């Protein structure tokens, strides 16, 4: 984690934000992403498969308009029952 001390990260909105989403291999990552980002401009890019083949990751690039948008998307991904990890 980056320690910015007393400084806050400055993000100029609107911007495209990248989320890396890790799910079990047999989960339908496209359906999960579509469910969460249904009213948001986004793209999905396959990323990696774990060495064991148990997990896959995808990169989601989504348009966000504020910190609240960015964090709400993160929380929705994190809280989804089939998502194992979000970066």
PDB file of N, CA and C in Angstrom:
ATOM      1  N   UNK A   1       0.849  -1.173   0.000  1.00  0.00           N
ATOM      2  CA  UNK A   1       0.000   0.000   0.000  1.00  0.00           C
ATOM      3  C   UNK A   1       0.894   1.235   0.000  1.00  0.00           C
ATOM      4  N   UNK A   2       0.456   2.276  -0.677  1.00  0.00           N
ATOM      5  CA  UNK A   2       1.216   3.513  -0.763  1.00  0.00           C
ATOM      6  C   UNK A   2       0.794   4.439   0.361  1.00  0.00           C
ATOM      7  N   UNK A   3       1.785   4.943   1.103  1.00  0.00           N
ATOM      8  CA  UNK A   3       1.505   5.897   2.174  1.00  0.00           C
ATOM      9  C   UNK A   3       1.688   7.296   1.616  1.00  0.00           C
ATOM     10  N   UNK A   4       0.589   8.039   1.497  1.00  0.00           N
ATOM     11  CA  UNK A   4       0.653   9.398   0.996  1.00  0.00           C
ATOM     12  C   UNK A   4       0.786  10.412   2.124  1.00  0.00           C
ATOM     13  N   UNK A   5       0.967   9.917   3.342  1.00  0.00           N
ATOM     14  CA  UNK A   5       1.074  10.823   4.486  1.00  0.00           C
ATOM     15  C   UNK A   5      -0.207  11.608   4.653  1.00  0.00           C
ATOM     16  N   UNK A   6      -0.085  12.929   4.699  1.00  0.00           N
ATOM     17  CA  UNK A   6      -1.249  13.796   4.859  1.00  0.00           C
ATOM     18  C   UNK A   6      -1.898  14.156   3.527  1.00  0.00           C
ATOM     19  N   UNK A   7      -1.280  13.737   2.428  1.00  0.00           N
ATOM     20  CA  UNK A   7      -1.814  14.071   1.108  1.00  0.00           C
ATOM     21  C   UNK A   7      -2.895  13.078   0.695  1.00  0.00           C
ATOM     22  N   UNK A   8      -3.866  13.578  -0.053  1.00  0.00           N
ATOM     23  CA  UNK A   8      -4.911  12.718  -0.586  1.00  0.00           C
ATOM     24  C   UNK A   8      -4.635  12.475  -2.059  1.00  0.00           C
ATOM     25  N   UNK A   9      -5.002  11.302  -2.515  1.00  0.00           N
ATOM     26  CA  UNK A   9      -4.876  10.978  -3.917  1.00  0.00           C
ATOM     27  C   UNK A   9      -5.844  11.856  -4.699  1.00  0.00           C
ATOM     28  N   UNK A  10      -5.344  12.560  -5.707  1.00  0.00           N
ATOM     29  CA  UNK A  10      -6.205  13.418  -6.507  1.00  0.00           C
ATOM     30  C   UNK A  10      -6.574  12.691  -7.799  1.00  0.00           C
ATOM     31  N   UNK A  11      -7.850  12.478  -7.973  1.00  0.00           N
ATOM     32  CA  UNK A  11      -8.364  11.818  -9.167  1.00  0.00           C
ATOM     33  C   UNK A  11      -9.276  12.810  -9.863  1.00  0.00           C
ATOM     34  N   UNK A  12      -9.018  13.028 -11.131  1.00  0.00           N
ATOM     35  CA  UNK A  12      -9.834  13.960 -11.906  1.00  0.00           C
ATOM     36  C   UNK A  12     -10.980  13.185 -12.566  1.00  0.00           C
ATOM     37  N   UNK A  13     -12.195  13.487 -12.145  1.00  0.00           N
ATOM     38  CA  UNK A  13     -13.387  12.819 -12.664  1.00  0.00           C
ATOM     39  C   UNK A  13     -14.026  13.664 -13.743  1.00  0.00           C
ATOM     40  N   UNK A  14     -14.728  13.040 -14.699  1.00  0.00           N
ATOM     41  CA  UNK A  14     -14.907  11.600 -14.877  1.00  0.00           C
ATOM     42  C   UNK A  14     -13.625  10.962 -15.407  1.00  0.00           C
ATOM     43  N   UNK A  15     -13.483   9.673 -15.119  1.00  0.00           N
ATOM     44  CA  UNK A  15     -12.318   8.928 -15.582  1.00  0.00           C
ATOM     45  C   UNK A  15     -12.689   7.455 -15.716  1.00  0.00           C
ATOM     46  N   UNK A  16     -11.891   6.745 -16.485  1.00  0.00           N
ATOM     47  CA  UNK A  16     -12.066   5.286 -16.572  1.00  0.00           C
ATOM     48  C   UNK A  16     -11.210   4.669 -15.475  1.00  0.00           C
ATOM     49  N   UNK A  17     -11.823   3.802 -14.668  1.00  0.00           N
ATOM     50  CA  UNK A  17     -11.141   3.172 -13.542  1.00  0.00           C
ATOM     51  C   UNK A  17     -11.026   1.683 -13.808  1.00  0.00           C
ATOM     52  N   UNK A  18      -9.892   1.115 -13.433  1.00  0.00           N
ATOM     53  CA  UNK A  18      -9.688  -0.317 -13.643  1.00  0.00           C
ATOM     54  C   UNK A  18      -9.851  -1.082 -12.339  1.00  0.00           C
ATOM     55  N   UNK A  19     -10.675  -2.123 -12.398  1.00  0.00           N
ATOM     56  CA  UNK A  19     -10.849  -3.064 -11.303  1.00  0.00           C
ATOM     57  C   UNK A  19     -10.369  -4.419 -11.798  1.00  0.00           C
ATOM     58  N   UNK A  20      -9.572  -5.118 -11.013  1.00  0.00           N
ATOM     59  CA  UNK A  20      -9.215  -6.493 -11.329  1.00  0.00           C
ATOM     60  C   UNK A  20     -10.058  -7.378 -10.421  1.00  0.00           C
ATOM     61  N   UNK A  21     -10.813  -8.278 -11.045  1.00  0.00           N
ATOM     62  CA  UNK A  21     -11.788  -9.091 -10.324  1.00  0.00           C
ATOM     63  C   UNK A  21     -11.381 -10.557 -10.452  1.00  0.00           C
ATOM     64  N   UNK A  22     -11.285 -11.244  -9.321  1.00  0.00           N
ATOM     65  CA  UNK A  22     -10.880 -12.646  -9.293  1.00  0.00           C
ATOM     66  C   UNK A  22     -12.073 -13.492  -8.850  1.00  0.00           C
ATOM     67  N   UNK A  23     -12.388 -14.488  -9.693  1.00  0.00           N
ATOM     68  CA  UNK A  23     -13.525 -15.384  -9.421  1.00  0.00           C
ATOM     69  C   UNK A  23     -13.075 -16.825  -9.604  1.00  0.00           C
ATOM     70  N   UNK A  24     -13.895 -17.759  -9.126  1.00  0.00           N
ATOM     71  CA  UNK A  24     -13.637 -19.175  -9.389  1.00  0.00           C
ATOM     72  C   UNK A  24     -13.755 -19.438 -10.886  1.00  0.00           C
ATOM     73  N   UNK A  25     -12.985 -20.383 -11.375  1.00  0.00           N
ATOM     74  CA  UNK A  25     -12.940 -20.713 -12.799  1.00  0.00           C
ATOM     75  C   UNK A  25     -14.335 -20.967 -13.372  1.00  0.00           C
ATOM     76  N   UNK A  26     -15.191 -21.649 -12.626  1.00  0.00           N
ATOM     77  CA  UNK A  26     -16.503 -22.008 -13.165  1.00  0.00           C
ATOM     78  C   UNK A  26     -17.570 -20.922 -12.987  1.00  0.00           C
ATOM     79  N   UNK A  27     -17.222 -19.786 -12.377  1.00  0.00           N
ATOM     80  CA  UNK A  27     -18.178 -18.686 -12.228  1.00  0.00           C
ATOM     81  C   UNK A  27     -18.277 -17.940 -13.561  1.00  0.00           C
ATOM     82  N   UNK A  28     -19.442 -17.423 -13.862  1.00  0.00           N
ATOM     83  CA  UNK A  28     -19.660 -16.659 -15.093  1.00  0.00           C
ATOM     84  C   UNK A  28     -19.292 -15.201 -14.831  1.00  0.00           C
ATOM     85  N   UNK A  29     -18.023 -14.869 -15.031  1.00  0.00           N
ATOM     86  CA  UNK A  29     -17.552 -13.519 -14.706  1.00  0.00           C
ATOM     87  C   UNK A  29     -18.267 -12.460 -15.541  1.00  0.00           C
ATOM     88  N   UNK A  30     -18.606 -12.765 -16.802  1.00  0.00           N
ATOM     89  CA  UNK A  30     -19.316 -11.781 -17.626  1.00  0.00           C
ATOM     90  C   UNK A  30     -20.679 -11.445 -17.029  1.00  0.00           C
ATOM     91  N   UNK A  31     -21.390 -12.434 -16.533  1.00  0.00           N
ATOM     92  CA  UNK A  31     -22.703 -12.201 -15.924  1.00  0.00           C
ATOM     93  C   UNK A  31     -22.576 -11.413 -14.625  1.00  0.00           C
ATOM     94  N   UNK A  32     -21.558 -11.727 -13.833  1.00  0.00           N
ATOM     95  CA  UNK A  32     -21.330 -11.005 -12.576  1.00  0.00           C
ATOM     96  C   UNK A  32     -21.078  -9.530 -12.862  1.00  0.00           C
ATOM     97  N   UNK A  33     -20.188  -9.259 -13.811  1.00  0.00           N
ATOM     98  CA  UNK A  33     -19.835  -7.882 -14.153  1.00  0.00           C
ATOM     99  C   UNK A  33     -21.066  -7.153 -14.720  1.00  0.00           C
ATOM    100  N   UNK A  34     -21.807  -7.808 -15.616  1.00  0.00           N
ATOM    101  CA  UNK A  34     -22.993  -7.187 -16.209  1.00  0.00           C
ATOM    102  C   UNK A  34     -24.034  -6.846 -15.146  1.00  0.00           C
ATOM    103  N   UNK A  35     -24.178  -7.710 -14.157  1.00  0.00           N
ATOM    104  CA  UNK A  35     -25.133  -7.474 -13.064  1.00  0.00           C
ATOM    105  C   UNK A  35     -24.765  -6.225 -12.273  1.00  0.00           C
ATOM    106  N   UNK A  36     -23.487  -6.052 -11.996  1.00  0.00           N
ATOM    107  CA  UNK A  36     -23.030  -4.937 -11.160  1.00  0.00           C
ATOM    108  C   UNK A  36     -22.938  -3.629 -11.948  1.00  0.00           C
ATOM    109  N   UNK A  37     -22.485  -3.705 -13.189  1.00  0.00           N
ATOM    110  CA  UNK A  37     -22.238  -2.505 -13.990  1.00  0.00           C
ATOM    111  C   UNK A  37     -23.338  -2.266 -15.023  1.00  0.00           C
ATOM    112  N   UNK A  38     -24.568  -2.655 -14.727  1.00  0.00           N
ATOM    113  CA  UNK A  38     -25.630  -2.615 -15.723  1.00  0.00           C
ATOM    114  C   UNK A  38     -25.907  -1.232 -16.297  1.00  0.00           C
ATOM    115  N   UNK A  39     -25.752  -0.168 -15.560  1.00  0.00           N
ATOM    116  CA  UNK A  39     -26.021   1.187 -16.068  1.00  0.00           C
ATOM    117  C   UNK A  39     -24.751   2.009 -16.247  1.00  0.00           C
ATOM    118  N   UNK A  40     -23.620   1.329 -16.376  1.00  0.00           N
ATOM    119  CA  UNK A  40     -22.324   2.000 -16.430  1.00  0.00           C
ATOM    120  C   UNK A  40     -21.602   1.590 -17.708  1.00  0.00           C
ATOM    121  N   UNK A  41     -20.914   2.557 -18.328  1.00  0.00           N
ATOM    122  CA  UNK A  41     -20.096   2.273 -19.498  1.00  0.00           C
ATOM    123  C   UNK A  41     -18.858   1.504 -19.031  1.00  0.00           C
ATOM    124  N   UNK A  42     -18.711   0.245 -19.483  1.00  0.00           N
ATOM    125  CA  UNK A  42     -17.581  -0.573 -19.049  1.00  0.00           C
ATOM    126  C   UNK A  42     -17.125  -1.515 -20.154  1.00  0.00           C
ATOM    127  N   UNK A  43     -15.907  -1.998 -20.027  1.00  0.00           N
ATOM    128  CA  UNK A  43     -15.379  -3.056 -20.888  1.00  0.00           C
ATOM    129  C   UNK A  43     -14.732  -4.095 -19.992  1.00  0.00           C
ATOM    130  N   UNK A  44     -14.690  -5.342 -20.474  1.00  0.00           N
ATOM    131  CA  UNK A  44     -14.073  -6.438 -19.731  1.00  0.00           C
ATOM    132  C   UNK A  44     -12.960  -7.031 -20.577  1.00  0.00           C
ATOM    133  N   UNK A  45     -11.834  -7.270 -19.933  1.00  0.00           N
ATOM    134  CA  UNK A  45     -10.688  -7.864 -20.610  1.00  0.00           C
ATOM    135  C   UNK A  45     -10.223  -9.075 -19.800  1.00  0.00           C
ATOM    136  N   UNK A  46     -10.192 -10.261 -20.414  1.00  0.00           N
ATOM    137  CA  UNK A  46      -9.649 -11.419 -19.691  1.00  0.00           C
ATOM    138  C   UNK A  46      -8.217 -11.117 -19.259  1.00  0.00           C
ATOM    139  N   UNK A  47      -7.843 -11.607 -18.094  1.00  0.00           N
ATOM    140  CA  UNK A  47      -6.514 -11.288 -17.587  1.00  0.00           C
ATOM    141  C   UNK A  47      -5.666 -12.543 -17.395  1.00  0.00           C
ATOM    142  N   UNK A  48      -5.920 -13.282 -16.323  1.00  0.00           N
ATOM    143  CA  UNK A  48      -5.071 -14.434 -16.008  1.00  0.00           C
ATOM    144  C   UNK A  48      -5.892 -15.605 -15.497  1.00  0.00           C
ATOM    145  N   UNK A  49      -5.259 -16.773 -15.570  1.00  0.00           N
ATOM    146  CA  UNK A  49      -5.785 -17.988 -14.948  1.00  0.00           C
ATOM    147  C   UNK A  49      -4.738 -18.420 -13.934  1.00  0.00           C
ATOM    148  N   UNK A  50      -5.166 -18.784 -12.745  1.00  0.00           N
ATOM    149  CA  UNK A  50      -4.205 -19.201 -11.718  1.00  0.00           C
ATOM    150  C   UNK A  50      -3.474 -20.461 -12.164  1.00  0.00           C
ATOM    151  N   UNK A  51      -2.314 -20.698 -11.589  1.00  0.00           N
ATOM    152  CA  UNK A  51      -1.515 -21.870 -11.975  1.00  0.00           C
ATOM    153  C   UNK A  51      -2.250 -23.176 -11.716  1.00  0.00           C
ATOM    154  N   UNK A  52      -3.128 -23.184 -10.725  1.00  0.00           N
ATOM    155  CA  UNK A  52      -3.904 -24.390 -10.435  1.00  0.00           C
ATOM    156  C   UNK A  52      -5.142 -24.503 -11.331  1.00  0.00           C
ATOM    157  N   UNK A  53      -5.478 -23.404 -12.027  1.00  0.00           N
ATOM    158  CA  UNK A  53      -6.663 -23.391 -12.868  1.00  0.00           C
ATOM    159  C   UNK A  53      -7.952 -23.183 -12.093  1.00  0.00           C
ATOM    160  N   UNK A  54      -7.845 -22.928 -10.798  1.00  0.00           N
ATOM    161  CA  UNK A  54      -9.035 -22.787  -9.958  1.00  0.00           C
ATOM    162  C   UNK A  54      -9.664 -21.396 -10.060  1.00  0.00           C
ATOM    163  N   UNK A  55      -8.856 -20.375 -10.335  1.00  0.00           N
ATOM    164  CA  UNK A  55      -9.329 -18.996 -10.366  1.00  0.00           C
ATOM    165  C   UNK A  55      -8.999 -18.333 -11.697  1.00  0.00           C
ATOM    166  N   UNK A  56      -9.823 -17.372 -12.070  1.00  0.00           N
ATOM    167  CA  UNK A  56      -9.547 -16.524 -13.225  1.00  0.00           C
ATOM    168  C   UNK A  56      -9.702 -15.070 -12.794  1.00  0.00           C
ATOM    169  N   UNK A  57      -8.987 -14.208 -13.474  1.00  0.00           N
ATOM    170  CA  UNK A  57      -9.160 -12.782 -13.208  1.00  0.00           C
ATOM    171  C   UNK A  57      -9.510 -12.076 -14.502  1.00  0.00           C
ATOM    172  N   UNK A  58     -10.296 -11.027 -14.360  1.00  0.00           N
ATOM    173  CA  UNK A  58     -10.647 -10.171 -15.481  1.00  0.00           C
ATOM    174  C   UNK A  58     -10.407  -8.731 -15.055  1.00  0.00           C
ATOM    175  N   UNK A  59     -10.103  -7.893 -16.036  1.00  0.00           N
ATOM    176  CA  UNK A  59      -9.954  -6.466 -15.775  1.00  0.00           C
ATOM    177  C   UNK A  59     -11.200  -5.776 -16.297  1.00  0.00           C
ATOM    178  N   UNK A  60     -11.799  -4.974 -15.442  1.00  0.00           N
ATOM    179  CA  UNK A  60     -12.981  -4.209 -15.806  1.00  0.00           C
ATOM    180  C   UNK A  60     -12.573  -2.745 -15.842  1.00  0.00           C
ATOM    181  N   UNK A  61     -12.798  -2.108 -16.984  1.00  0.00           N
ATOM    182  CA  UNK A  61     -12.553  -0.674 -17.128  1.00  0.00           C
ATOM    183  C   UNK A  61     -13.912   0.000 -17.170  1.00  0.00           C
ATOM    184  N   UNK A  62     -14.200   0.818 -16.164  1.00  0.00           N
ATOM    185  CA  UNK A  62     -15.524   1.432 -16.047  1.00  0.00           C
ATOM    186  C   UNK A  62     -15.403   2.938 -15.898  1.00  0.00           C
ATOM    187  N   UNK A  63     -16.372   3.644 -16.481  1.00  0.00           N
ATOM    188  CA  UNK A  63     -16.420   5.091 -16.332  1.00  0.00           C
ATOM    189  C   UNK A  63     -16.981   5.417 -14.950  1.00  0.00           C
ATOM    190  N   UNK A  64     -16.236   6.212 -14.197  1.00  0.00           N
ATOM    191  CA  UNK A  64     -16.700   6.659 -12.878  1.00  0.00           C
ATOM    192  C   UNK A  64     -16.703   8.181 -12.858  1.00  0.00           C
ATOM    193  N   UNK A  65     -17.655   8.737 -12.128  1.00  0.00           N
ATOM    194  CA  UNK A  65     -17.854  10.180 -12.121  1.00  0.00           C
ATOM    195  C   UNK A  65     -17.523  10.833 -10.785  1.00  0.00           C
ATOM    196  N   UNK A  66     -17.225  10.013  -9.771  1.00  0.00           N
ATOM    197  CA  UNK A  66     -16.915  10.556  -8.446  1.00  0.00           C
ATOM    198  C   UNK A  66     -16.269   9.463  -7.586  1.00  0.00           C
ATOM    199  N   UNK A  67     -15.732   9.875  -6.448  1.00  0.00           N
ATOM    200  CA  UNK A  67     -15.216   8.901  -5.480  1.00  0.00           C
ATOM    201  C   UNK A  67     -16.320   7.942  -5.057  1.00  0.00           C
ATOM    202  N   UNK A  68     -17.519   8.481  -4.861  1.00  0.00           N
ATOM    203  CA  UNK A  68     -18.644   7.635  -4.443  1.00  0.00           C
ATOM    204  C   UNK A  68     -18.929   6.548  -5.473  1.00  0.00           C
ATOM    205  N   UNK A  69     -18.935   6.905  -6.752  1.00  0.00           N
ATOM    206  CA  UNK A  69     -19.133   5.904  -7.815  1.00  0.00           C
ATOM    207  C   UNK A  69     -18.052   4.833  -7.762  1.00  0.00           C
ATOM    208  N   UNK A  70     -16.819   5.282  -7.704  1.00  0.00           N
ATOM    209  CA  UNK A  70     -15.669   4.368  -7.723  1.00  0.00           C
ATOM    210  C   UNK A  70     -15.731   3.390  -6.556  1.00  0.00           C
ATOM    211  N   UNK A  71     -16.006   3.917  -5.380  1.00  0.00           N
ATOM    212  CA  UNK A  71     -16.041   3.076  -4.181  1.00  0.00           C
ATOM    213  C   UNK A  71     -17.277   2.181  -4.130  1.00  0.00           C
ATOM    214  N   UNK A  72     -18.400   2.666  -4.650  1.00  0.00           N
ATOM    215  CA  UNK A  72     -19.619   1.842  -4.688  1.00  0.00           C
ATOM    216  C   UNK A  72     -19.428   0.650  -5.617  1.00  0.00           C
ATOM    217  N   UNK A  73     -18.783   0.863  -6.759  1.00  0.00           N
ATOM    218  CA  UNK A  73     -18.490  -0.247  -7.669  1.00  0.00           C
ATOM    219  C   UNK A  73     -17.587  -1.270  -6.996  1.00  0.00           C
ATOM    220  N   UNK A  74     -16.555  -0.789  -6.316  1.00  0.00           N
ATOM    221  CA  UNK A  74     -15.630  -1.673  -5.611  1.00  0.00           C
ATOM    222  C   UNK A  74     -16.387  -2.500  -4.566  1.00  0.00           C
ATOM    223  N   UNK A  75     -17.231  -1.828  -3.781  1.00  0.00           N
ATOM    224  CA  UNK A  75     -17.981  -2.521  -2.730  1.00  0.00           C
ATOM    225  C   UNK A  75     -18.932  -3.564  -3.315  1.00  0.00           C
ATOM    226  N   UNK A  76     -19.599  -3.223  -4.423  1.00  0.00           N
ATOM    227  CA  UNK A  76     -20.529  -4.175  -5.048  1.00  0.00           C
ATOM    228  C   UNK A  76     -19.784  -5.407  -5.543  1.00  0.00           C
ATOM    229  N   UNK A  77     -18.607  -5.205  -6.123  1.00  0.00           N
ATOM    230  CA  UNK A  77     -17.797  -6.346  -6.559  1.00  0.00           C
ATOM    231  C   UNK A  77     -17.347  -7.173  -5.353  1.00  0.00           C
ATOM    232  N   UNK A  78     -16.786  -6.497  -4.371  1.00  0.00           N
ATOM    233  CA  UNK A  78     -16.254  -7.165  -3.175  1.00  0.00           C
ATOM    234  C   UNK A  78     -17.321  -7.986  -2.463  1.00  0.00           C
ATOM    235  N   UNK A  79     -18.547  -7.476  -2.444  1.00  0.00           N
ATOM    236  CA  UNK A  79     -19.619  -8.124  -1.691  1.00  0.00           C
ATOM    237  C   UNK A  79     -20.352  -9.212  -2.473  1.00  0.00           C
ATOM    238  N   UNK A  80     -20.063  -9.346  -3.756  1.00  0.00           N
ATOM    239  CA  UNK A  80     -20.743 -10.367  -4.560  1.00  0.00           C
ATOM    240  C   UNK A  80     -20.289 -11.747  -4.094  1.00  0.00           C
ATOM    241  N   UNK A  81     -21.224 -12.660  -3.921  1.00  0.00           N
ATOM    242  CA  UNK A  81     -20.910 -13.978  -3.355  1.00  0.00           C
ATOM    243  C   UNK A  81     -19.951 -14.801  -4.201  1.00  0.00           C
ATOM    244  N   UNK A  82     -19.870 -14.559  -5.498  1.00  0.00           N
ATOM    245  CA  UNK A  82     -18.983 -15.355  -6.358  1.00  0.00           C
ATOM    246  C   UNK A  82     -17.622 -14.715  -6.611  1.00  0.00           C
ATOM    247  N   UNK A  83     -17.461 -13.481  -6.142  1.00  0.00           N
ATOM    248  CA  UNK A  83     -16.177 -12.782  -6.310  1.00  0.00           C
ATOM    249  C   UNK A  83     -15.296 -13.116  -5.109  1.00  0.00           C
ATOM    250  N   UNK A  84     -14.083 -13.536  -5.391  1.00  0.00           N
ATOM    251  CA  UNK A  84     -13.158 -13.911  -4.315  1.00  0.00           C
ATOM    252  C   UNK A  84     -12.268 -12.764  -3.881  1.00  0.00           C
ATOM    253  N   UNK A  85     -11.936 -11.861  -4.832  1.00  0.00           N
ATOM    254  CA  UNK A  85     -11.004 -10.776  -4.509  1.00  0.00           C
ATOM    255  C   UNK A  85     -11.146  -9.681  -5.552  1.00  0.00           C
ATOM    256  N   UNK A  86     -10.952  -8.414  -5.115  1.00  0.00           N
ATOM    257  CA  UNK A  86     -10.988  -7.260  -6.032  1.00  0.00           C
ATOM    258  C   UNK A  86      -9.767  -6.402  -5.751  1.00  0.00           C
ATOM    259  N   UNK A  87      -9.125  -5.991  -6.820  1.00  0.00           N
ATOM    260  CA  UNK A  87      -7.967  -5.085  -6.691  1.00  0.00           C
ATOM    261  C   UNK A  87      -8.315  -3.804  -7.431  1.00  0.00           C
TER     262      UNK A  87
END
